[in-house]
Amino acid sequence: PRLPPRPVQKAELVRLSQTLLHVPSLHWVVVEDAPSPSALVGGVLAASGVSFTHLSAETPPELRAGPGDPPWLFPRGAEQRNRALRWLRDTRGPDEPGVVYFADDDNTYSLRLFEEVGPPRDPP
């Protein structure tokens, strides 16, 4: 079953998209933990102005933490990261330059991060 969206998910995605708008040559790959991409996330991505790909990869029930389970007992986000990497391998050539950064929608990122992990710039 599809997990209900977190109450602040839309706000967090909008905030992150506003940061990503300032990053040159960026393509945002969003992978939801769901059987299929949701309209809520798709709407935010479409309105963001950021180049994006919207995918989904559901975490199997046997890999989900249950009530009272310690947070370290099960990997979190592994299915989604693997789905994003598979998309990259399937759509990008091996000689295409790029940087992959796994971000969470509920974190805040400084533009300096993208300057540090981005491709080297020509000296002035």
PDB file of N, CA and C in Angstrom:
ATOM      1  N   PRO A   1       0.828  -1.197   0.000  1.00  0.00           N
ATOM      2  CA  PRO A   1       0.000   0.000   0.000  1.00  0.00           C
ATOM      3  C   PRO A   1       0.862   1.246   0.000  1.00  0.00           C
ATOM      4  N   ARG A   2       0.379   2.270  -0.669  1.00  0.00           N
ATOM      5  CA  ARG A   2       1.097   3.542  -0.735  1.00  0.00           C
ATOM      6  C   ARG A   2       1.099   4.196   0.640  1.00  0.00           C
ATOM      7  N   LEU A   3       2.279   4.666   1.027  1.00  0.00           N
ATOM      8  CA  LEU A   3       2.369   5.406   2.284  1.00  0.00           C
ATOM      9  C   LEU A   3       1.747   6.773   2.088  1.00  0.00           C
ATOM     10  N   PRO A   4       1.042   7.286   3.085  1.00  0.00           N
ATOM     11  CA  PRO A   4       0.482   8.633   2.934  1.00  0.00           C
ATOM     12  C   PRO A   4       1.613   9.658   2.914  1.00  0.00           C
ATOM     13  N   PRO A   5       1.418  10.752   2.171  1.00  0.00           N
ATOM     14  CA  PRO A   5       2.477  11.762   2.169  1.00  0.00           C
ATOM     15  C   PRO A   5       2.643  12.359   3.566  1.00  0.00           C
ATOM     16  N   ARG A   6       3.868  12.693   3.880  1.00  0.00           N
ATOM     17  CA  ARG A   6       4.101  13.391   5.143  1.00  0.00           C
ATOM     18  C   ARG A   6       3.474  14.776   5.028  1.00  0.00           C
ATOM     19  N   PRO A   7       2.917  15.308   6.093  1.00  0.00           N
ATOM     20  CA  PRO A   7       2.224  16.598   6.002  1.00  0.00           C
ATOM     21  C   PRO A   7       3.088  17.732   5.442  1.00  0.00           C
ATOM     22  N   VAL A   8       4.389  17.671   5.656  1.00  0.00           N
ATOM     23  CA  VAL A   8       5.251  18.773   5.206  1.00  0.00           C
ATOM     24  C   VAL A   8       6.010  18.433   3.921  1.00  0.00           C
ATOM     25  N   GLN A   9       5.708  17.287   3.308  1.00  0.00           N
ATOM     26  CA  GLN A   9       6.473  16.851   2.138  1.00  0.00           C
ATOM     27  C   GLN A   9       6.450  17.870   1.006  1.00  0.00           C
ATOM     28  N   LYS A  10       5.289  18.413   0.704  1.00  0.00           N
ATOM     29  CA  LYS A  10       5.193  19.376  -0.396  1.00  0.00           C
ATOM     30  C   LYS A  10       6.047  20.609  -0.099  1.00  0.00           C
ATOM     31  N   ALA A  11       5.954  21.122   1.108  1.00  0.00           N
ATOM     32  CA  ALA A  11       6.741  22.306   1.484  1.00  0.00           C
ATOM     33  C   ALA A  11       8.240  22.017   1.388  1.00  0.00           C
ATOM     34  N   GLU A  12       8.649  20.843   1.822  1.00  0.00           N
ATOM     35  CA  GLU A  12      10.070  20.490   1.770  1.00  0.00           C
ATOM     36  C   GLU A  12      10.566  20.379   0.333  1.00  0.00           C
ATOM     37  N   LEU A  13       9.758  19.794  -0.538  1.00  0.00           N
ATOM     38  CA  LEU A  13      10.148  19.674  -1.946  1.00  0.00           C
ATOM     39  C   LEU A  13      10.209  21.038  -2.622  1.00  0.00           C
ATOM     40  N   VAL A  14       9.268  21.908  -2.303  1.00  0.00           N
ATOM     41  CA  VAL A  14       9.295  23.261  -2.875  1.00  0.00           C
ATOM     42  C   VAL A  14      10.544  23.993  -2.408  1.00  0.00           C
ATOM     43  N   ARG A  15      10.852  23.891  -1.123  1.00  0.00           N
ATOM     44  CA  ARG A  15      12.053  24.559  -0.596  1.00  0.00           C
ATOM     45  C   ARG A  15      13.307  24.032  -1.291  1.00  0.00           C
ATOM     46  N   LEU A  16      13.428  22.726  -1.435  1.00  0.00           N
ATOM     47  CA  LEU A  16      14.592  22.148  -2.095  1.00  0.00           C
ATOM     48  C   LEU A  16      14.647  22.566  -3.558  1.00  0.00           C
ATOM     49  N   SER A  17      13.512  22.590  -4.230  1.00  0.00           N
ATOM     50  CA  SER A  17      13.501  22.989  -5.644  1.00  0.00           C
ATOM     51  C   SER A  17      13.969  24.431  -5.812  1.00  0.00           C
ATOM     52  N   GLN A  18      13.653  25.289  -4.852  1.00  0.00           N
ATOM     53  CA  GLN A  18      14.092  26.688  -4.932  1.00  0.00           C
ATOM     54  C   GLN A  18      15.614  26.792  -4.851  1.00  0.00           C
ATOM     55  N   THR A  19      16.227  25.941  -4.080  1.00  0.00           N
ATOM     56  CA  THR A  19      17.691  25.893  -4.029  1.00  0.00           C
ATOM     57  C   THR A  19      18.249  25.350  -5.340  1.00  0.00           C
ATOM     58  N   LEU A  20      17.670  24.247  -5.825  1.00  0.00           N
ATOM     59  CA  LEU A  20      18.195  23.593  -7.022  1.00  0.00           C
ATOM     60  C   LEU A  20      18.074  24.465  -8.264  1.00  0.00           C
ATOM     61  N   LEU A  21      17.140  25.400  -8.275  1.00  0.00           N
ATOM     62  CA  LEU A  21      17.009  26.321  -9.413  1.00  0.00           C
ATOM     63  C   LEU A  21      18.280  27.125  -9.652  1.00  0.00           C
ATOM     64  N   HIS A  22      19.089  27.294  -8.613  1.00  0.00           N
ATOM     65  CA  HIS A  22      20.304  28.096  -8.711  1.00  0.00           C
ATOM     66  C   HIS A  22      21.530  27.288  -9.126  1.00  0.00           C
ATOM     67  N   VAL A  23      21.353  25.987  -9.328  1.00  0.00           N
ATOM     68  CA  VAL A  23      22.481  25.114  -9.674  1.00  0.00           C
ATOM     69  C   VAL A  23      22.493  24.910 -11.185  1.00  0.00           C
ATOM     70  N   PRO A  24      23.560  25.355 -11.865  1.00  0.00           N
ATOM     71  CA  PRO A  24      23.593  25.199 -13.324  1.00  0.00           C
ATOM     72  C   PRO A  24      23.741  23.730 -13.737  1.00  0.00           C
ATOM     73  N   SER A  25      23.149  23.393 -14.859  1.00  0.00           N
ATOM     74  CA  SER A  25      23.284  22.058 -15.472  1.00  0.00           C
ATOM     75  C   SER A  25      22.895  20.927 -14.536  1.00  0.00           C
ATOM     76  N   LEU A  26      21.826  21.119 -13.799  1.00  0.00           N
ATOM     77  CA  LEU A  26      21.393  20.110 -12.833  1.00  0.00           C
ATOM     78  C   LEU A  26      20.190  19.349 -13.384  1.00  0.00           C
ATOM     79  N   HIS A  27      20.173  18.047 -13.162  1.00  0.00           N
ATOM     80  CA  HIS A  27      18.997  17.226 -13.448  1.00  0.00           C
ATOM     81  C   HIS A  27      18.639  16.507 -12.159  1.00  0.00           C
ATOM     82  N   TRP A  28      17.420  16.704 -11.698  1.00  0.00           N
ATOM     83  CA  TRP A  28      16.956  16.198 -10.412  1.00  0.00           C
ATOM     84  C   TRP A  28      16.249  14.868 -10.645  1.00  0.00           C
ATOM     85  N   VAL A  29      16.754  13.812 -10.041  1.00  0.00           N
ATOM     86  CA  VAL A  29      16.112  12.504 -10.113  1.00  0.00           C
ATOM     87  C   VAL A  29      15.463  12.254  -8.762  1.00  0.00           C
ATOM     88  N   VAL A  30      14.147  12.154  -8.757  1.00  0.00           N
ATOM     89  CA  VAL A  30      13.384  11.933  -7.530  1.00  0.00           C
ATOM     90  C   VAL A  30      12.790  10.534  -7.591  1.00  0.00           C
ATOM     91  N   VAL A  31      13.085   9.731  -6.558  1.00  0.00           N
ATOM     92  CA  VAL A  31      12.555   8.374  -6.494  1.00  0.00           C
ATOM     93  C   VAL A  31      11.733   8.258  -5.216  1.00  0.00           C
ATOM     94  N   GLU A  32      10.445   8.049  -5.401  1.00  0.00           N
ATOM     95  CA  GLU A  32       9.549   7.889  -4.256  1.00  0.00           C
ATOM     96  C   GLU A  32       9.536   6.438  -3.780  1.00  0.00           C
ATOM     97  N   ASP A  33       9.364   6.253  -2.490  1.00  0.00           N
ATOM     98  CA  ASP A  33       9.158   4.931  -1.915  1.00  0.00           C
ATOM     99  C   ASP A  33       7.669   4.627  -2.043  1.00  0.00           C
ATOM    100  N   ALA A  34       7.290   4.136  -3.230  1.00  0.00           N
ATOM    101  CA  ALA A  34       5.890   3.890  -3.546  1.00  0.00           C
ATOM    102  C   ALA A  34       5.819   2.980  -4.768  1.00  0.00           C
ATOM    103  N   PRO A  35       4.669   2.340  -4.992  1.00  0.00           N
ATOM    104  CA  PRO A  35       4.546   1.484  -6.163  1.00  0.00           C
ATOM    105  C   PRO A  35       4.563   2.261  -7.476  1.00  0.00           C
ATOM    106  N   SER A  36       4.168   3.529  -7.437  1.00  0.00           N
ATOM    107  CA  SER A  36       4.183   4.377  -8.630  1.00  0.00           C
ATOM    108  C   SER A  36       4.366   5.828  -8.190  1.00  0.00           C
ATOM    109  N   PRO A  37       4.849   6.675  -9.097  1.00  0.00           N
ATOM    110  CA  PRO A  37       5.027   8.088  -8.738  1.00  0.00           C
ATOM    111  C   PRO A  37       3.693   8.739  -8.371  1.00  0.00           C
ATOM    112  N   SER A  38       3.709   9.593  -7.365  1.00  0.00           N
ATOM    113  CA  SER A  38       2.479  10.235  -6.894  1.00  0.00           C
ATOM    114  C   SER A  38       2.219  11.550  -7.624  1.00  0.00           C
ATOM    115  N   ALA A  39       0.954  11.913  -7.673  1.00  0.00           N
ATOM    116  CA  ALA A  39       0.554  13.180  -8.285  1.00  0.00           C
ATOM    117  C   ALA A  39       1.074  14.364  -7.471  1.00  0.00           C
ATOM    118  N   LEU A  40       1.108  14.234  -6.149  1.00  0.00           N
ATOM    119  CA  LEU A  40       1.585  15.338  -5.309  1.00  0.00           C
ATOM    120  C   LEU A  40       3.026  15.698  -5.661  1.00  0.00           C
ATOM    121  N   VAL A  41       3.902  14.703  -5.666  1.00  0.00           N
ATOM    122  CA  VAL A  41       5.308  14.961  -5.969  1.00  0.00           C
ATOM    123  C   VAL A  41       5.466  15.374  -7.427  1.00  0.00           C
ATOM    124  N   GLY A  42       4.759  14.714  -8.325  1.00  0.00           N
ATOM    125  CA  GLY A  42       4.828  15.068  -9.741  1.00  0.00           C
ATOM    126  C   GLY A  42       4.422  16.507  -9.989  1.00  0.00           C
ATOM    127  N   GLY A  43       3.411  16.973  -9.290  1.00  0.00           N
ATOM    128  CA  GLY A  43       2.970  18.361  -9.441  1.00  0.00           C
ATOM    129  C   GLY A  43       4.015  19.355  -8.970  1.00  0.00           C
ATOM    130  N   VAL A  44       4.644  19.050  -7.852  1.00  0.00           N
ATOM    131  CA  VAL A  44       5.704  19.931  -7.342  1.00  0.00           C
ATOM    132  C   VAL A  44       6.866  19.972  -8.325  1.00  0.00           C
ATOM    133  N   LEU A  45       7.255  18.806  -8.833  1.00  0.00           N
ATOM    134  CA  LEU A  45       8.374  18.753  -9.777  1.00  0.00           C
ATOM    135  C   LEU A  45       8.049  19.514 -11.056  1.00  0.00           C
ATOM    136  N   ALA A  46       6.851  19.320 -11.584  1.00  0.00           N
ATOM    137  CA  ALA A  46       6.461  19.993 -12.828  1.00  0.00           C
ATOM    138  C   ALA A  46       6.432  21.503 -12.662  1.00  0.00           C
ATOM    139  N   ALA A  47       6.062  21.973 -11.493  1.00  0.00           N
ATOM    140  CA  ALA A  47       5.983  23.423 -11.246  1.00  0.00           C
ATOM    141  C   ALA A  47       7.323  24.026 -10.833  1.00  0.00           C
ATOM    142  N   SER A  48       8.331  23.199 -10.600  1.00  0.00           N
ATOM    143  CA  SER A  48       9.576  23.671  -9.999  1.00  0.00           C
ATOM    144  C   SER A  48      10.468  24.475 -10.946  1.00  0.00           C
ATOM    145  N   GLY A  49      10.398  24.192 -12.237  1.00  0.00           N
ATOM    146  CA  GLY A  49      11.317  24.836 -13.173  1.00  0.00           C
ATOM    147  C   GLY A  49      12.658  24.130 -13.263  1.00  0.00           C
ATOM    148  N   VAL A  50      12.830  23.032 -12.534  1.00  0.00           N
ATOM    149  CA  VAL A  50      14.071  22.261 -12.533  1.00  0.00           C
ATOM    150  C   VAL A  50      13.888  21.065 -13.473  1.00  0.00           C
ATOM    151  N   SER A  51      14.903  20.760 -14.261  1.00  0.00           N
ATOM    152  CA  SER A  51      14.878  19.555 -15.088  1.00  0.00           C
ATOM    153  C   SER A  51      14.826  18.352 -14.148  1.00  0.00           C
ATOM    154  N   PHE A  52      13.909  17.402 -14.408  1.00  0.00           N
ATOM    155  CA  PHE A  52      13.743  16.309 -13.453  1.00  0.00           C
ATOM    156  C   PHE A  52      13.321  15.016 -14.140  1.00  0.00           C
ATOM    157  N   THR A  53      13.503  13.927 -13.401  1.00  0.00           N
ATOM    158  CA  THR A  53      12.948  12.620 -13.715  1.00  0.00           C
ATOM    159  C   THR A  53      12.295  12.118 -12.441  1.00  0.00           C
ATOM    160  N   HIS A  54      11.067  11.632 -12.563  1.00  0.00           N
ATOM    161  CA  HIS A  54      10.289  11.188 -11.403  1.00  0.00           C
ATOM    162  C   HIS A  54      10.075   9.680 -11.503  1.00  0.00           C
ATOM    163  N   LEU A  55      10.617   8.947 -10.538  1.00  0.00           N
ATOM    164  CA  LEU A  55      10.556   7.490 -10.528  1.00  0.00           C
ATOM    165  C   LEU A  55       9.985   6.995  -9.199  1.00  0.00           C
ATOM    166  N   SER A  56       9.776   5.700  -9.118  1.00  0.00           N
ATOM    167  CA  SER A  56       9.366   5.116  -7.844  1.00  0.00           C
ATOM    168  C   SER A  56      10.025   3.753  -7.680  1.00  0.00           C
ATOM    169  N   ALA A  57      10.235   3.372  -6.433  1.00  0.00           N
ATOM    170  CA  ALA A  57      10.748   2.049  -6.068  1.00  0.00           C
ATOM    171  C   ALA A  57      10.273   1.794  -4.644  1.00  0.00           C
ATOM    172  N   GLU A  58       9.388   0.854  -4.518  1.00  0.00           N
ATOM    173  CA  GLU A  58       8.817   0.570  -3.200  1.00  0.00           C
ATOM    174  C   GLU A  58       9.758  -0.320  -2.390  1.00  0.00           C
ATOM    175  N   THR A  59       9.934   0.009  -1.134  1.00  0.00           N
ATOM    176  CA  THR A  59      10.705  -0.830  -0.228  1.00  0.00           C
ATOM    177  C   THR A  59       9.863  -2.063   0.099  1.00  0.00           C
ATOM    178  N   PRO A  60      10.419  -3.251  -0.104  1.00  0.00           N
ATOM    179  CA  PRO A  60       9.651  -4.465   0.205  1.00  0.00           C
ATOM    180  C   PRO A  60       9.264  -4.501   1.692  1.00  0.00           C
ATOM    181  N   PRO A  61       8.082  -5.043   1.980  1.00  0.00           N
ATOM    182  CA  PRO A  61       7.613  -5.067   3.381  1.00  0.00           C
ATOM    183  C   PRO A  61       8.606  -5.706   4.345  1.00  0.00           C
ATOM    184  N   GLU A  62       9.315  -6.739   3.884  1.00  0.00           N
ATOM    185  CA  GLU A  62      10.260  -7.414   4.789  1.00  0.00           C
ATOM    186  C   GLU A  62      11.486  -6.560   5.113  1.00  0.00           C
ATOM    187  N   LEU A  63      11.676  -5.468   4.386  1.00  0.00           N
ATOM    188  CA  LEU A  63      12.799  -4.567   4.661  1.00  0.00           C
ATOM    189  C   LEU A  63      12.369  -3.285   5.362  1.00  0.00           C
ATOM    190  N   ARG A  64      11.105  -3.187   5.732  1.00  0.00           N
ATOM    191  CA  ARG A  64      10.595  -2.004   6.442  1.00  0.00           C
ATOM    192  C   ARG A  64      10.690  -2.229   7.950  1.00  0.00           C
ATOM    193  N   ALA A  65      11.102  -1.189   8.635  1.00  0.00           N
ATOM    194  CA  ALA A  65      11.146  -1.260  10.095  1.00  0.00           C
ATOM    195  C   ALA A  65       9.724  -1.284  10.636  1.00  0.00           C
ATOM    196  N   GLY A  66       9.539  -2.033  11.686  1.00  0.00           N
ATOM    197  CA  GLY A  66       8.236  -2.091  12.342  1.00  0.00           C
ATOM    198  C   GLY A  66       8.246  -1.258  13.609  1.00  0.00           C
ATOM    199  N   PRO A  67       7.090  -1.146  14.227  1.00  0.00           N
ATOM    200  CA  PRO A  67       7.016  -0.385  15.485  1.00  0.00           C
ATOM    201  C   PRO A  67       7.965  -0.983  16.521  1.00  0.00           C
ATOM    202  N   GLY A  68       8.753  -0.137  17.128  1.00  0.00           N
ATOM    203  CA  GLY A  68       9.689  -0.579  18.154  1.00  0.00           C
ATOM    204  C   GLY A  68      11.015  -1.082  17.639  1.00  0.00           C
ATOM    205  N   ASP A  69      11.154  -1.229  16.297  1.00  0.00           N
ATOM    206  CA  ASP A  69      12.445  -1.658  15.749  1.00  0.00           C
ATOM    207  C   ASP A  69      13.459  -0.523  15.863  1.00  0.00           C
ATOM    208  N   PRO A  70      14.715  -0.836  16.188  1.00  0.00           N
ATOM    209  CA  PRO A  70      15.734   0.220  16.213  1.00  0.00           C
ATOM    210  C   PRO A  70      15.970   0.754  14.796  1.00  0.00           C
ATOM    211  N   PRO A  71      16.282   2.026  14.649  1.00  0.00           N
ATOM    212  CA  PRO A  71      16.424   2.627  13.322  1.00  0.00           C
ATOM    213  C   PRO A  71      17.551   2.027  12.483  1.00  0.00           C
ATOM    214  N   TRP A  72      18.536   1.426  13.108  1.00  0.00           N
ATOM    215  CA  TRP A  72      19.672   0.868  12.378  1.00  0.00           C
ATOM    216  C   TRP A  72      19.412  -0.549  11.865  1.00  0.00           C
ATOM    217  N   LEU A  73      18.277  -1.146  12.218  1.00  0.00           N
ATOM    218  CA  LEU A  73      18.020  -2.541  11.888  1.00  0.00           C
ATOM    219  C   LEU A  73      17.802  -2.772  10.388  1.00  0.00           C
ATOM    220  N   PHE A  74      17.207  -1.815   9.697  1.00  0.00           N
ATOM    221  CA  PHE A  74      16.912  -1.962   8.275  1.00  0.00           C
ATOM    222  C   PHE A  74      17.519  -0.806   7.490  1.00  0.00           C
ATOM    223  N   PRO A  75      18.003  -1.092   6.282  1.00  0.00           N
ATOM    224  CA  PRO A  75      18.528   0.014   5.458  1.00  0.00           C
ATOM    225  C   PRO A  75      17.384   0.933   5.041  1.00  0.00           C
ATOM    226  N   ARG A  76      17.661   2.218   4.998  1.00  0.00           N
ATOM    227  CA  ARG A  76      16.631   3.173   4.575  1.00  0.00           C
ATOM    228  C   ARG A  76      17.051   3.790   3.250  1.00  0.00           C
ATOM    229  N   GLY A  77      16.158   3.745   2.284  1.00  0.00           N
ATOM    230  CA  GLY A  77      16.409   4.392   1.008  1.00  0.00           C
ATOM    231  C   GLY A  77      17.243   3.594   0.028  1.00  0.00           C
ATOM    232  N   ALA A  78      17.609   2.367   0.367  1.00  0.00           N
ATOM    233  CA  ALA A  78      18.477   1.588  -0.521  1.00  0.00           C
ATOM    234  C   ALA A  78      17.788   1.274  -1.842  1.00  0.00           C
ATOM    235  N   GLU A  79      16.536   0.878  -1.804  1.00  0.00           N
ATOM    236  CA  GLU A  79      15.805   0.569  -3.042  1.00  0.00           C
ATOM    237  C   GLU A  79      15.710   1.797  -3.940  1.00  0.00           C
ATOM    238  N   GLN A  80      15.489   2.947  -3.324  1.00  0.00           N
ATOM    239  CA  GLN A  80      15.329   4.181  -4.089  1.00  0.00           C
ATOM    240  C   GLN A  80      16.667   4.621  -4.688  1.00  0.00           C
ATOM    241  N   ARG A  81      17.740   4.543  -3.929  1.00  0.00           N
ATOM    242  CA  ARG A  81      19.057   4.897  -4.474  1.00  0.00           C
ATOM    243  C   ARG A  81      19.439   3.968  -5.616  1.00  0.00           C
ATOM    244  N   ASN A  82      19.175   2.675  -5.447  1.00  0.00           N
ATOM    245  CA  ASN A  82      19.498   1.723  -6.512  1.00  0.00           C
ATOM    246  C   ASN A  82      18.676   1.995  -7.770  1.00  0.00           C
ATOM    247  N   ARG A  83      17.428   2.389  -7.602  1.00  0.00           N
ATOM    248  CA  ARG A  83      16.583   2.714  -8.767  1.00  0.00           C
ATOM    249  C   ARG A  83      17.142   3.931  -9.502  1.00  0.00           C
ATOM    250  N   ALA A  84      17.574   4.941  -8.762  1.00  0.00           N
ATOM    251  CA  ALA A  84      18.163   6.133  -9.388  1.00  0.00           C
ATOM    252  C   ALA A  84      19.441   5.772 -10.141  1.00  0.00           C
ATOM    253  N   LEU A  85      20.277   4.952  -9.536  1.00  0.00           N
ATOM    254  CA  LEU A  85      21.517   4.546 -10.203  1.00  0.00           C
ATOM    255  C   LEU A  85      21.229   3.728 -11.463  1.00  0.00           C
ATOM    256  N   ARG A  86      20.207   2.874 -11.415  1.00  0.00           N
ATOM    257  CA  ARG A  86      19.833   2.097 -12.601  1.00  0.00           C
ATOM    258  C   ARG A  86      19.366   3.030 -13.721  1.00  0.00           C
ATOM    259  N   TRP A  87      18.587   4.064 -13.365  1.00  0.00           N
ATOM    260  CA  TRP A  87      18.137   5.042 -14.357  1.00  0.00           C
ATOM    261  C   TRP A  87      19.344   5.741 -14.991  1.00  0.00           C
ATOM    262  N   LEU A  88      20.306   6.127 -14.168  1.00  0.00           N
ATOM    263  CA  LEU A  88      21.504   6.783 -14.702  1.00  0.00           C
ATOM    264  C   LEU A  88      22.259   5.869 -15.664  1.00  0.00           C
ATOM    265  N   ARG A  89      22.442   4.622 -15.277  1.00  0.00           N
ATOM    266  CA  ARG A  89      23.152   3.672 -16.151  1.00  0.00           C
ATOM    267  C   ARG A  89      22.407   3.442 -17.463  1.00  0.00           C
ATOM    268  N   ASP A  90      21.084   3.447 -17.401  1.00  0.00           N
ATOM    269  CA  ASP A  90      20.274   3.192 -18.595  1.00  0.00           C
ATOM    270  C   ASP A  90      20.155   4.397 -19.521  1.00  0.00           C
ATOM    271  N   THR A  91      20.348   5.598 -19.000  1.00  0.00           N
ATOM    272  CA  THR A  91      20.081   6.801 -19.811  1.00  0.00           C
ATOM    273  C   THR A  91      21.301   7.663 -20.097  1.00  0.00           C
ATOM    274  N   ARG A  92      22.371   7.462 -19.411  1.00  0.00           N
ATOM    275  CA  ARG A  92      23.558   8.287 -19.601  1.00  0.00           C
ATOM    276  C   ARG A  92      24.704   7.449 -20.138  1.00  0.00           C
ATOM    277  N   GLY A  93      25.485   8.041 -21.009  1.00  0.00           N
ATOM    278  CA  GLY A  93      26.639   7.344 -21.557  1.00  0.00           C
ATOM    279  C   GLY A  93      27.773   7.283 -20.555  1.00  0.00           C
ATOM    280  N   PRO A  94      28.632   6.282 -20.669  1.00  0.00           N
ATOM    281  CA  PRO A  94      29.722   6.129 -19.703  1.00  0.00           C
ATOM    282  C   PRO A  94      30.736   7.273 -19.755  1.00  0.00           C
ATOM    283  N   ASP A  95      30.773   8.010 -20.869  1.00  0.00           N
ATOM    284  CA  ASP A  95      31.729   9.110 -20.983  1.00  0.00           C
ATOM    285  C   ASP A  95      31.122  10.463 -20.637  1.00  0.00           C
ATOM    286  N   GLU A  96      29.834  10.493 -20.299  1.00  0.00           N
ATOM    287  CA  GLU A  96      29.206  11.771 -19.947  1.00  0.00           C
ATOM    288  C   GLU A  96      29.654  12.193 -18.553  1.00  0.00           C
ATOM    289  N   PRO A  97      30.172  13.402 -18.422  1.00  0.00           N
ATOM    290  CA  PRO A  97      30.598  13.857 -17.097  1.00  0.00           C
ATOM    291  C   PRO A  97      29.393  14.151 -16.208  1.00  0.00           C
ATOM    292  N   GLY A  98      29.589  14.043 -14.932  1.00  0.00           N
ATOM    293  CA  GLY A  98      28.517  14.369 -14.005  1.00  0.00           C
ATOM    294  C   GLY A  98      28.885  14.017 -12.587  1.00  0.00           C
ATOM    295  N   VAL A  99      28.062  14.485 -11.691  1.00  0.00           N
ATOM    296  CA  VAL A  99      28.226  14.231 -10.259  1.00  0.00           C
ATOM    297  C   VAL A  99      26.889  13.726  -9.753  1.00  0.00           C
ATOM    298  N   VAL A 100      26.915  12.679  -8.952  1.00  0.00           N
ATOM    299  CA  VAL A 100      25.699  12.161  -8.326  1.00  0.00           C
ATOM    300  C   VAL A 100      25.767  12.511  -6.851  1.00  0.00           C
ATOM    301  N   TYR A 101      24.684  13.112  -6.354  1.00  0.00           N
ATOM    302  CA  TYR A 101      24.601  13.446  -4.939  1.00  0.00           C
ATOM    303  C   TYR A 101      23.242  12.991  -4.439  1.00  0.00           C
ATOM    304  N   PHE A 102      23.219  12.190  -3.396  1.00  0.00           N
ATOM    305  CA  PHE A 102      21.965  11.722  -2.828  1.00  0.00           C
ATOM    306  C   PHE A 102      21.519  12.701  -1.756  1.00  0.00           C
ATOM    307  N   ALA A 103      20.401  13.346  -1.999  1.00  0.00           N
ATOM    308  CA  ALA A 103      19.876  14.350  -1.074  1.00  0.00           C
ATOM    309  C   ALA A 103      18.555  13.865  -0.491  1.00  0.00           C
ATOM    310  N   ASP A 104      18.201  14.362   0.653  1.00  0.00           N
ATOM    311  CA  ASP A 104      16.907  14.096   1.272  1.00  0.00           C
ATOM    312  C   ASP A 104      16.044  15.342   1.143  1.00  0.00           C
ATOM    313  N   ASP A 105      14.763  15.143   0.876  1.00  0.00           N
ATOM    314  CA  ASP A 105      13.888  16.301   0.715  1.00  0.00           C
ATOM    315  C   ASP A 105      13.671  17.057   2.015  1.00  0.00           C
ATOM    316  N   ASP A 106      13.937  16.432   3.146  1.00  0.00           N
ATOM    317  CA  ASP A 106      13.699  17.123   4.410  1.00  0.00           C
ATOM    318  C   ASP A 106      14.959  17.767   4.989  1.00  0.00           C
ATOM    319  N   ASN A 107      16.001  17.899   4.169  1.00  0.00           N
ATOM    320  CA  ASN A 107      17.211  18.614   4.584  1.00  0.00           C
ATOM    321  C   ASN A 107      17.295  19.940   3.831  1.00  0.00           C
ATOM    322  N   THR A 108      18.129  20.827   4.317  1.00  0.00           N
ATOM    323  CA  THR A 108      18.363  22.110   3.665  1.00  0.00           C
ATOM    324  C   THR A 108      19.802  22.123   3.184  1.00  0.00           C
ATOM    325  N   TYR A 109      20.016  22.640   1.977  1.00  0.00           N
ATOM    326  CA  TYR A 109      21.344  22.600   1.360  1.00  0.00           C
ATOM    327  C   TYR A 109      21.804  23.997   0.986  1.00  0.00           C
ATOM    328  N   SER A 110      23.062  24.268   1.275  1.00  0.00           N
ATOM    329  CA  SER A 110      23.688  25.515   0.875  1.00  0.00           C
ATOM    330  C   SER A 110      24.146  25.389  -0.576  1.00  0.00           C
ATOM    331  N   LEU A 111      24.083  26.472  -1.323  1.00  0.00           N
ATOM    332  CA  LEU A 111      24.574  26.451  -2.701  1.00  0.00           C
ATOM    333  C   LEU A 111      26.065  26.144  -2.746  1.00  0.00           C
ATOM    334  N   ARG A 112      26.785  26.432  -1.667  1.00  0.00           N
ATOM    335  CA  ARG A 112      28.219  26.113  -1.628  1.00  0.00           C
ATOM    336  C   ARG A 112      28.468  24.623  -1.790  1.00  0.00           C
ATOM    337  N   LEU A 113      27.542  23.796  -1.315  1.00  0.00           N
ATOM    338  CA  LEU A 113      27.690  22.352  -1.485  1.00  0.00           C
ATOM    339  C   LEU A 113      27.819  22.012  -2.964  1.00  0.00           C
ATOM    340  N   PHE A 114      26.967  22.591  -3.797  1.00  0.00           N
ATOM    341  CA  PHE A 114      26.975  22.265  -5.211  1.00  0.00           C
ATOM    342  C   PHE A 114      28.202  22.830  -5.911  1.00  0.00           C
ATOM    343  N   GLU A 115      28.736  23.923  -5.395  1.00  0.00           N
ATOM    344  CA  GLU A 115      29.990  24.446  -5.935  1.00  0.00           C
ATOM    345  C   GLU A 115      31.142  23.496  -5.616  1.00  0.00           C
ATOM    346  N   GLU A 116      31.101  22.887  -4.429  1.00  0.00           N
ATOM    347  CA  GLU A 116      32.181  21.980  -4.018  1.00  0.00           C
ATOM    348  C   GLU A 116      32.120  20.640  -4.713  1.00  0.00           C
ATOM    349  N   VAL A 117      30.925  20.101  -4.955  1.00  0.00           N
ATOM    350  CA  VAL A 117      30.839  18.776  -5.561  1.00  0.00           C
ATOM    351  C   VAL A 117      30.675  18.836  -7.072  1.00  0.00           C
ATOM    352  N   GLY A 118      30.470  20.017  -7.620  1.00  0.00           N
ATOM    353  CA  GLY A 118      30.259  20.160  -9.053  1.00  0.00           C
ATOM    354  C   GLY A 118      31.553  20.013  -9.838  1.00  0.00           C
ATOM    355  N   PRO A 119      31.413  20.025 -11.158  1.00  0.00           N
ATOM    356  CA  PRO A 119      32.603  19.917 -12.008  1.00  0.00           C
ATOM    357  C   PRO A 119      33.515  21.118 -11.798  1.00  0.00           C
ATOM    358  N   PRO A 120      34.814  20.939 -11.984  1.00  0.00           N
ATOM    359  CA  PRO A 120      35.739  22.059 -11.817  1.00  0.00           C
ATOM    360  C   PRO A 120      35.426  23.168 -12.815  1.00  0.00           C
ATOM    361  N   ARG A 121      35.578  24.362 -12.359  1.00  0.00           N
ATOM    362  CA  ARG A 121      35.312  25.515 -13.222  1.00  0.00           C
ATOM    363  C   ARG A 121      36.641  26.029 -13.782  1.00  0.00           C
ATOM    364  N   ASP A 122      36.574  26.636 -14.955  1.00  0.00           N
ATOM    365  CA  ASP A 122      37.786  27.237 -15.544  1.00  0.00           C
ATOM    366  C   ASP A 122      38.227  28.400 -14.682  1.00  0.00           C
ATOM    367  N   PRO A 123      39.521  28.574 -14.512  1.00  0.00           N
ATOM    368  CA  PRO A 123      40.007  29.712 -13.706  1.00  0.00           C
ATOM    369  C   PRO A 123      39.639  31.014 -14.403  1.00  0.00           C
ATOM    370  N   PRO A 124      39.408  32.071 -13.627  1.00  0.00           N
ATOM    371  CA  PRO A 124      39.023  33.374 -14.237  1.00  0.00           C
ATOM    372  C   PRO A 124      40.135  33.964 -15.064  1.00  0.00           C
TER     373      PRO A 124
END
